[in-house]
Amino acid sequence: MNRIIKTAIIASLLFVVPFIADAQRFGIKGGVNFSSINNSQAKDNLGYQAGLTYQIDLPLWFAVQPELMFHVKGARIEGLSSGAFGLGYLEVPVNIQWGPRFKDGDIRVFVQGTPFIGYAISKDMKDADGNQYDWKNINRFEYGVGAGLGVQLWHFQITGQYNWSLGRLTNLEKAENGFKEIFSKSNFGGYTISLAILF
């Protein structure tokens, strides 16, 4: 019964939101990631993000902005042949924004919270001998939350955000011992800076 109620609530929201929205805009988005893992020997690594966004303006200065993004996350760490590794995730973040609008909505300053889910579709992870780690070592599903600030000037939106991946990077049941030694307690965290162009 609880599942039926939850499904009904979600379906109702999906039906109602477009009707109470003040405006809806499609856009493209890209930026840089400064990511790392919670390992004392790890250092930040530079990655990138790119994808599509869809903004729905709501009453009371709220907006919802779901996205489909490709994120490259990684870190620099000892014990790997190149000193660095990276994973590419296909992510679905949903930005929940609030902030005042000025000049008939052309200027907006906002805060946002962002739950997200993702799935790893590419990797560059080599051991000390230069061999690629197999996918069996990696928990390809990820989920987490982010918090950030942004400003929107007409069709341009700039955001800065910190993201926390809450799941494990390692597939503990199948991972090799060498992989577990480096990554067993690890998941990603880091800053993103992005620019979106809305149409």
Protein backbone atom coordinates (compact mmCIF):
# COMPACT_ATOMS: atom_id res chain seq x y z
CA MET A 1 0.00 0.00 0.00
CA ASN A 2 2.83 2.41 0.83
CA ARG A 3 4.35 1.82 -2.60
CA ILE A 4 1.02 2.66 -4.27
CA ILE A 5 0.73 5.89 -2.27
CA LYS A 6 4.30 6.94 -3.11
CA THR A 7 3.74 6.20 -6.79
CA ALA A 8 0.53 8.23 -6.79
CA ILE A 9 2.28 11.20 -5.14
CA ILE A 10 5.15 11.16 -7.64
CA ALA A 11 2.76 10.85 -10.59
CA SER A 12 0.68 13.75 -9.24
CA LEU A 13 3.76 15.95 -8.90
CA LEU A 14 4.90 15.16 -12.44
CA PHE A 15 1.44 16.09 -13.70
CA VAL A 16 1.03 19.26 -11.63
CA VAL A 17 4.52 20.83 -11.91
CA PRO A 18 4.26 21.85 -15.61
CA PHE A 19 0.97 23.65 -14.92
CA ILE A 20 2.26 25.72 -12.00
CA ALA A 21 5.58 26.51 -13.67
CA ASP A 22 6.20 30.14 -14.62
CA ALA A 23 8.67 29.25 -17.38
CA GLN A 24 10.51 26.25 -18.79
CA ARG A 25 13.88 26.37 -20.53
CA PHE A 26 16.08 23.78 -22.22
CA GLY A 27 19.86 24.23 -22.08
CA ILE A 28 23.37 22.88 -22.47
CA LYS A 29 25.85 22.76 -19.62
CA GLY A 30 29.57 22.17 -19.13
CA GLY A 31 32.31 22.76 -16.62
CA VAL A 32 35.21 21.41 -14.59
CA ASN A 33 35.43 18.98 -11.69
CA PHE A 34 37.98 19.09 -8.89
CA SER A 35 37.50 15.63 -7.38
CA SER A 36 39.27 13.27 -5.02
CA ILE A 37 38.59 10.30 -2.73
CA ASN A 38 38.64 10.11 1.05
CA ASN A 39 42.12 8.62 1.25
CA SER A 40 44.84 10.46 3.18
CA GLN A 41 47.32 9.97 0.30
CA ALA A 42 44.95 11.17 -2.44
CA LYS A 43 45.15 14.56 -4.13
CA ASP A 44 42.59 16.40 -6.25
CA ASN A 45 42.37 15.62 -9.93
CA LEU A 46 40.95 17.82 -12.70
CA GLY A 47 38.05 16.41 -14.73
CA TYR A 48 35.15 17.79 -16.71
CA GLN A 49 31.38 17.62 -17.08
CA ALA A 50 29.06 18.15 -20.04
CA GLY A 51 25.41 17.54 -20.78
CA LEU A 52 21.84 18.78 -21.03
CA THR A 53 19.65 20.63 -18.56
CA TYR A 54 15.98 21.59 -18.30
CA GLN A 55 14.88 24.42 -16.01
CA ILE A 56 11.36 24.72 -14.61
CA ASP A 57 10.60 27.97 -12.75
CA LEU A 58 8.12 27.62 -9.90
CA PRO A 59 6.33 30.12 -7.66
CA LEU A 60 7.93 31.59 -4.51
CA TRP A 61 11.35 31.89 -6.21
CA PHE A 62 11.81 28.13 -6.51
CA ALA A 63 13.08 26.27 -9.58
CA VAL A 64 13.72 22.62 -10.40
CA GLN A 65 16.47 21.78 -12.86
CA PRO A 66 16.92 18.09 -13.81
CA GLU A 67 19.96 17.25 -15.94
CA LEU A 68 21.59 14.47 -17.92
CA MET A 69 25.36 14.83 -17.54
CA PHE A 70 28.63 13.05 -18.25
CA HIS A 71 31.06 13.55 -15.34
CA VAL A 72 34.73 12.57 -15.27
CA LYS A 73 35.90 12.11 -11.67
CA GLY A 74 39.23 10.93 -10.35
CA ALA A 75 42.15 11.47 -8.03
CA ARG A 76 45.93 11.36 -7.91
CA ILE A 77 47.21 8.64 -5.59
CA GLU A 78 50.32 6.55 -4.94
CA GLY A 79 50.20 2.88 -5.92
CA LEU A 80 48.94 3.48 -9.46
CA SER A 81 51.21 3.37 -12.48
CA SER A 82 50.24 6.81 -13.78
CA GLY A 83 49.69 8.33 -10.36
CA ALA A 84 46.13 9.19 -11.35
CA PHE A 85 42.87 7.46 -12.18
CA GLY A 86 39.51 8.47 -13.53
CA LEU A 87 35.98 7.22 -14.02
CA GLY A 88 33.36 8.61 -16.38
CA TYR A 89 29.79 8.61 -15.03
CA LEU A 90 26.49 9.15 -16.77
CA GLU A 91 24.62 11.09 -14.08
CA VAL A 92 21.11 12.35 -13.46
CA PRO A 93 21.22 15.22 -10.94
CA VAL A 94 18.09 17.14 -9.95
CA ASN A 95 18.91 20.68 -8.80
CA ILE A 96 16.36 22.14 -6.39
CA GLN A 97 16.97 25.89 -6.44
CA TRP A 98 15.71 28.85 -4.47
CA GLY A 99 16.62 32.49 -4.87
CA PRO A 100 15.24 35.96 -5.62
CA ARG A 101 14.76 37.25 -9.15
CA PHE A 102 15.51 40.80 -10.26
CA LYS A 103 14.76 42.88 -13.37
CA ASP A 104 11.68 40.89 -14.36
CA GLY A 105 13.46 37.61 -13.76
CA ASP A 106 16.46 38.34 -15.99
CA ILE A 107 18.81 38.20 -12.99
CA ARG A 108 18.64 35.55 -10.30
CA VAL A 109 20.86 34.60 -7.36
CA PHE A 110 20.16 31.20 -5.81
CA VAL A 111 21.20 28.36 -3.55
CA GLN A 112 20.66 24.76 -4.61
CA GLY A 113 20.60 21.24 -3.25
CA THR A 114 21.19 18.35 -5.64
CA PRO A 115 20.44 14.67 -5.15
CA PHE A 116 22.00 12.61 -7.95
CA ILE A 117 22.42 9.07 -9.23
CA GLY A 118 24.94 7.80 -11.75
CA TYR A 119 26.47 4.84 -13.52
CA ALA A 120 30.13 4.47 -14.55
CA ILE A 121 30.52 3.93 -18.30
CA SER A 122 34.25 4.59 -18.81
CA LYS A 123 37.41 4.15 -16.75
CA ASP A 124 41.15 4.71 -16.70
CA MET A 125 42.39 2.81 -13.63
CA LYS A 126 45.76 1.04 -13.84
CA ASP A 127 47.68 -0.82 -11.14
CA ALA A 128 51.37 -0.28 -10.35
CA ASP A 129 52.34 -2.54 -13.28
CA GLY A 130 50.29 -0.57 -15.78
CA ASN A 131 47.46 -3.10 -16.12
CA GLN A 132 43.86 -1.86 -16.26
CA TYR A 133 41.74 -2.86 -13.29
CA ASP A 134 38.77 -4.94 -14.35
CA TRP A 135 35.20 -3.63 -13.98
CA LYS A 136 34.54 -6.36 -11.40
CA ASN A 137 36.49 -4.29 -8.85
CA ILE A 138 34.25 -1.24 -9.20
CA ASN A 139 30.79 -0.49 -7.89
CA ARG A 140 29.52 1.17 -11.07
CA PHE A 141 26.37 2.63 -9.47
CA GLU A 142 26.78 5.85 -7.51
CA TYR A 143 24.48 8.20 -5.64
CA GLY A 144 24.96 11.29 -3.56
CA VAL A 145 24.05 14.89 -2.83
CA GLY A 146 25.44 18.30 -3.61
CA ALA A 147 25.07 21.85 -2.28
CA GLY A 148 25.97 25.03 -4.08
CA LEU A 149 25.44 28.64 -5.09
CA GLY A 150 24.70 30.18 -8.44
CA VAL A 151 23.82 33.26 -10.40
CA GLN A 152 21.73 33.48 -13.58
CA LEU A 153 22.14 36.41 -15.96
CA TRP A 154 19.56 36.27 -18.73
CA HIS A 155 20.33 32.99 -20.55
CA PHE A 156 23.59 32.26 -18.73
CA GLN A 157 23.80 30.38 -15.44
CA ILE A 158 27.02 29.96 -13.44
CA THR A 159 27.12 27.56 -10.47
CA GLY A 160 29.69 26.39 -7.96
CA GLN A 161 28.91 23.29 -5.92
CA TYR A 162 30.38 20.67 -3.61
CA ASN A 163 29.29 17.06 -4.20
CA TRP A 164 29.42 14.03 -1.92
CA SER A 165 29.19 10.49 -3.35
CA LEU A 166 27.60 8.40 -0.62
CA GLY A 167 28.10 4.89 -2.02
CA ARG A 168 31.27 2.80 -2.12
CA LEU A 169 33.65 2.93 -5.05
CA THR A 170 34.71 -0.68 -4.46
CA ASN A 171 32.68 -3.80 -5.20
CA LEU A 172 33.65 -5.49 -1.93
CA GLU A 173 32.36 -8.93 -2.95
CA LYS A 174 34.41 -9.24 -6.17
CA ALA A 175 37.30 -6.78 -5.89
CA GLU A 176 40.91 -7.93 -5.94
CA ASN A 177 42.91 -7.53 -2.73
CA GLY A 178 45.25 -4.95 -4.28
CA PHE A 179 42.29 -2.83 -5.33
CA LYS A 180 40.69 -3.09 -1.89
CA GLU A 181 43.90 -1.93 -0.19
CA ILE A 182 43.76 1.36 -2.07
CA PHE A 183 40.04 1.98 -2.50
CA SER A 184 38.08 -0.05 0.09
CA LYS A 185 36.97 2.96 2.15
CA SER A 186 36.82 5.41 -0.72
CA ASN A 187 34.19 7.37 -2.57
CA PHE A 188 34.30 10.63 -4.51
CA GLY A 189 33.89 14.16 -3.30
CA GLY A 190 34.79 17.48 -4.81
CA TYR A 191 33.91 20.83 -6.31
CA THR A 192 32.31 21.59 -9.65
CA ILE A 193 32.19 24.90 -11.48
CA SER A 194 29.82 25.00 -14.43
CA LEU A 195 28.23 27.24 -17.03
CA ALA A 196 24.80 26.57 -18.53
CA ILE A 197 23.27 28.32 -21.52
CA LEU A 198 19.46 28.30 -21.43
CA PHE A 199 17.23 28.77 -24.46
